[in-house]
Amino acid sequence: MFWRLSRRGLHRILTSRRLLSSLHERIVSVQLQDRGLTIQWSSNRTSHLPYLYLRDNCQESESIDNSARQRLFHLALTVDFNIRAKRADTSEDGRQLCVTWPDGHRSRFSSSWLMEHS
C-alpha cells in the first residue's frame, strides 16, 4: 500500500524533524564575519546568518510591541544596511546567543530559533 503525501504533509514532517533536532543542538562557537555570523553547532553543522536578518528579527521588547507583534522601528529608516555586530556571546549551556550592535542594542536568540531559521 502506498501513502500519498502532499507537499504540505511533507513540509510538516521535515519541519517537525528539524524542530526535534533543534531541541538538542547547542552553539559551540560563533564567529563574526564581514556580512554575518557563522555558528558552529554541537552536531558539527555550520550555519551563516546575515547581520541585517538578525537585527530585523530581534524579538526584544525595545524592538517589538508584544501586544500587536509589530516592530517599533522601521528597518530602512533606522538601521544601516551594512550593519555589523559589535560582539556575539553565547550562554554557558550553548542555548542562547546574545548579539550586541554598534548602537548598544542587544538581541537575544535561542539556539532552537537560530536552528529553525538558518
C-alpha atoms as a PDB file:
ATOM      1  CA  MET A   1       0.000   0.000   0.000  1.00  0.00           C
ATOM      2  CA  PHE A   2       1.314   3.435  -0.950  1.00  0.00           C
ATOM      3  CA  TRP A   3       0.644   6.572   1.034  1.00  0.00           C
ATOM      4  CA  ARG A   4       0.084   9.800  -0.773  1.00  0.00           C
ATOM      5  CA  LEU A   5       1.858  12.651   0.861  1.00  0.00           C
ATOM      6  CA  SER A   6       1.055  16.188  -0.126  1.00  0.00           C
ATOM      7  CA  ARG A   7       3.708  18.904  -0.202  1.00  0.00           C
ATOM      8  CA  ARG A   8       2.130  20.351   2.911  1.00  0.00           C
ATOM      9  CA  GLY A   9       2.345  16.999   4.697  1.00  0.00           C
ATOM     10  CA  LEU A  10       5.965  16.547   3.648  1.00  0.00           C
ATOM     11  CA  HIS A  11       6.756  20.065   4.839  1.00  0.00           C
ATOM     12  CA  ARG A  12       5.216  19.237   8.245  1.00  0.00           C
ATOM     13  CA  ILE A  13       7.314  16.083   8.579  1.00  0.00           C
ATOM     14  CA  LEU A  14      10.539  17.838   7.614  1.00  0.00           C
ATOM     15  CA  THR A  15       9.766  20.804   9.863  1.00  0.00           C
ATOM     16  CA  SER A  16       8.950  18.587  12.839  1.00  0.00           C
ATOM     17  CA  ARG A  17      12.205  16.648  12.361  1.00  0.00           C
ATOM     18  CA  ARG A  18      14.126  19.905  12.238  1.00  0.00           C
ATOM     19  CA  LEU A  19      12.311  21.164  15.340  1.00  0.00           C
ATOM     20  CA  LEU A  20      13.130  17.994  17.238  1.00  0.00           C
ATOM     21  CA  SER A  21      16.792  18.141  16.259  1.00  0.00           C
ATOM     22  CA  SER A  22      16.939  21.834  17.177  1.00  0.00           C
ATOM     23  CA  LEU A  23      15.946  20.980  20.762  1.00  0.00           C
ATOM     24  CA  HIS A  24      19.210  19.087  21.199  1.00  0.00           C
ATOM     25  CA  GLU A  25      21.511  21.406  19.271  1.00  0.00           C
ATOM     26  CA  ARG A  26      23.852  23.671  21.161  1.00  0.00           C
ATOM     27  CA  ILE A  27      26.006  26.513  19.955  1.00  0.00           C
ATOM     28  CA  VAL A  28      29.657  25.546  20.204  1.00  0.00           C
ATOM     29  CA  SER A  29      31.168  28.730  18.769  1.00  0.00           C
ATOM     30  CA  VAL A  30      30.296  31.929  16.929  1.00  0.00           C
ATOM     31  CA  GLN A  31      32.492  33.861  14.540  1.00  0.00           C
ATOM     32  CA  LEU A  32      31.859  37.400  13.349  1.00  0.00           C
ATOM     33  CA  GLN A  33      32.301  37.654   9.585  1.00  0.00           C
ATOM     34  CA  ASP A  34      32.019  40.624   7.193  1.00  0.00           C
ATOM     35  CA  ARG A  35      28.312  40.254   6.345  1.00  0.00           C
ATOM     36  CA  GLY A  36      27.031  37.918   9.068  1.00  0.00           C
ATOM     37  CA  LEU A  37      27.960  35.493  11.762  1.00  0.00           C
ATOM     38  CA  THR A  38      28.844  31.842  11.494  1.00  0.00           C
ATOM     39  CA  ILE A  39      27.575  29.411  14.103  1.00  0.00           C
ATOM     40  CA  GLN A  40      29.223  26.068  14.775  1.00  0.00           C
ATOM     41  CA  TRP A  41      26.688  23.612  16.232  1.00  0.00           C
ATOM     42  CA  SER A  42      27.243  20.644  18.535  1.00  0.00           C
ATOM     43  CA  SER A  43      26.354  18.353  15.602  1.00  0.00           C
ATOM     44  CA  ASN A  44      29.297  19.837  13.627  1.00  0.00           C
ATOM     45  CA  ARG A  45      26.794  21.621  11.383  1.00  0.00           C
ATOM     46  CA  THR A  46      27.633  25.207  10.418  1.00  0.00           C
ATOM     47  CA  SER A  47      25.109  27.999   9.819  1.00  0.00           C
ATOM     48  CA  HIS A  48      25.585  31.504   8.467  1.00  0.00           C
ATOM     49  CA  LEU A  49      23.114  34.250   9.377  1.00  0.00           C
ATOM     50  CA  PRO A  50      23.362  37.751   7.896  1.00  0.00           C
ATOM     51  CA  TYR A  51      23.562  40.629  10.387  1.00  0.00           C
ATOM     52  CA  LEU A  52      20.691  42.503   8.771  1.00  0.00           C
ATOM     53  CA  TYR A  53      18.458  39.426   9.076  1.00  0.00           C
ATOM     54  CA  LEU A  54      19.303  39.058  12.760  1.00  0.00           C
ATOM     55  CA  ARG A  55      18.715  42.739  13.520  1.00  0.00           C
ATOM     56  CA  ASP A  56      15.438  42.684  11.625  1.00  0.00           C
ATOM     57  CA  ASN A  57      14.249  39.614  13.560  1.00  0.00           C
ATOM     58  CA  CYS A  58      15.140  40.869  17.026  1.00  0.00           C
ATOM     59  CA  GLN A  59      12.325  39.991  19.457  1.00  0.00           C
ATOM     60  CA  GLU A  60      13.465  42.135  22.386  1.00  0.00           C
ATOM     61  CA  SER A  61      10.910  44.449  24.000  1.00  0.00           C
ATOM     62  CA  GLU A  62      12.775  47.522  22.672  1.00  0.00           C
ATOM     63  CA  SER A  63      12.193  46.246  19.115  1.00  0.00           C
ATOM     64  CA  ILE A  64       8.720  44.674  19.208  1.00  0.00           C
ATOM     65  CA  ASP A  65       5.333  45.722  20.546  1.00  0.00           C
ATOM     66  CA  ASN A  66       4.341  42.406  22.145  1.00  0.00           C
ATOM     67  CA  SER A  67       0.617  43.139  22.167  1.00  0.00           C
ATOM     68  CA  ALA A  68       0.468  43.891  18.435  1.00  0.00           C
ATOM     69  CA  ARG A  69       3.542  41.779  17.454  1.00  0.00           C
ATOM     70  CA  GLN A  70       4.799  44.675  15.326  1.00  0.00           C
ATOM     71  CA  ARG A  71       8.223  46.257  15.051  1.00  0.00           C
ATOM     72  CA  LEU A  72       8.760  49.512  16.875  1.00  0.00           C
ATOM     73  CA  PHE A  73      11.290  50.690  14.289  1.00  0.00           C
ATOM     74  CA  HIS A  74      11.388  50.922  10.511  1.00  0.00           C
ATOM     75  CA  LEU A  75      14.331  48.886   9.289  1.00  0.00           C
ATOM     76  CA  ALA A  76      15.054  51.029   6.216  1.00  0.00           C
ATOM     77  CA  LEU A  77      14.997  54.263   8.214  1.00  0.00           C
ATOM     78  CA  THR A  78      16.807  53.274  11.402  1.00  0.00           C
ATOM     79  CA  VAL A  79      19.275  50.502  10.549  1.00  0.00           C
ATOM     80  CA  ASP A  80      22.367  50.800   8.381  1.00  0.00           C
ATOM     81  CA  PHE A  81      22.157  48.119   5.672  1.00  0.00           C
ATOM     82  CA  ASN A  82      25.879  47.484   6.185  1.00  0.00           C
ATOM     83  CA  ILE A  83      25.327  46.829   9.882  1.00  0.00           C
ATOM     84  CA  ARG A  84      27.818  44.613  11.616  1.00  0.00           C
ATOM     85  CA  ALA A  85      27.613  43.152  15.099  1.00  0.00           C
ATOM     86  CA  LYS A  86      29.937  44.630  17.680  1.00  0.00           C
ATOM     87  CA  ARG A  87      30.137  41.302  19.515  1.00  0.00           C
ATOM     88  CA  ALA A  88      28.343  37.971  19.872  1.00  0.00           C
ATOM     89  CA  ASP A  89      28.291  35.885  23.046  1.00  0.00           C
ATOM     90  CA  THR A  90      26.767  32.521  23.836  1.00  0.00           C
ATOM     91  CA  SER A  91      25.362  31.326  27.130  1.00  0.00           C
ATOM     92  CA  GLU A  92      27.374  28.728  29.046  1.00  0.00           C
ATOM     93  CA  ASP A  93      24.993  25.956  28.052  1.00  0.00           C
ATOM     94  CA  GLY A  94      25.047  26.975  24.361  1.00  0.00           C
ATOM     95  CA  ARG A  95      21.287  27.514  24.269  1.00  0.00           C
ATOM     96  CA  GLN A  96      21.283  31.279  23.695  1.00  0.00           C
ATOM     97  CA  LEU A  97      23.126  33.823  21.582  1.00  0.00           C
ATOM     98  CA  CYS A  98      23.377  37.494  22.504  1.00  0.00           C
ATOM     99  CA  VAL A  99      24.363  39.900  19.723  1.00  0.00           C
ATOM    100  CA  THR A 100      25.467  43.426  20.653  1.00  0.00           C
ATOM    101  CA  TRP A 101      25.015  46.053  17.926  1.00  0.00           C
ATOM    102  CA  PRO A 102      27.059  49.250  17.415  1.00  0.00           C
ATOM    103  CA  ASP A 103      24.270  51.398  18.946  1.00  0.00           C
ATOM    104  CA  GLY A 104      24.394  49.288  22.147  1.00  0.00           C
ATOM    105  CA  HIS A 105      21.157  47.406  21.438  1.00  0.00           C
ATOM    106  CA  ARG A 106      21.247  43.702  22.303  1.00  0.00           C
ATOM    107  CA  SER A 107      19.387  40.953  20.501  1.00  0.00           C
ATOM    108  CA  ARG A 108      18.941  37.552  22.145  1.00  0.00           C
ATOM    109  CA  PHE A 109      18.134  34.409  20.189  1.00  0.00           C
ATOM    110  CA  SER A 110      17.513  30.878  21.419  1.00  0.00           C
ATOM    111  CA  SER A 111      19.509  28.103  19.781  1.00  0.00           C
ATOM    112  CA  SER A 112      16.248  26.472  18.640  1.00  0.00           C
ATOM    113  CA  TRP A 113      15.133  29.698  16.884  1.00  0.00           C
ATOM    114  CA  LEU A 114      18.530  30.062  15.218  1.00  0.00           C
ATOM    115  CA  MET A 115      18.491  26.438  14.063  1.00  0.00           C
ATOM    116  CA  GLU A 116      14.978  26.771  12.633  1.00  0.00           C
ATOM    117  CA  HIS A 117      15.861  29.963  10.761  1.00  0.00           C
ATOM    118  CA  SER A 118      19.278  29.045   9.439  1.00  0.00           C
END
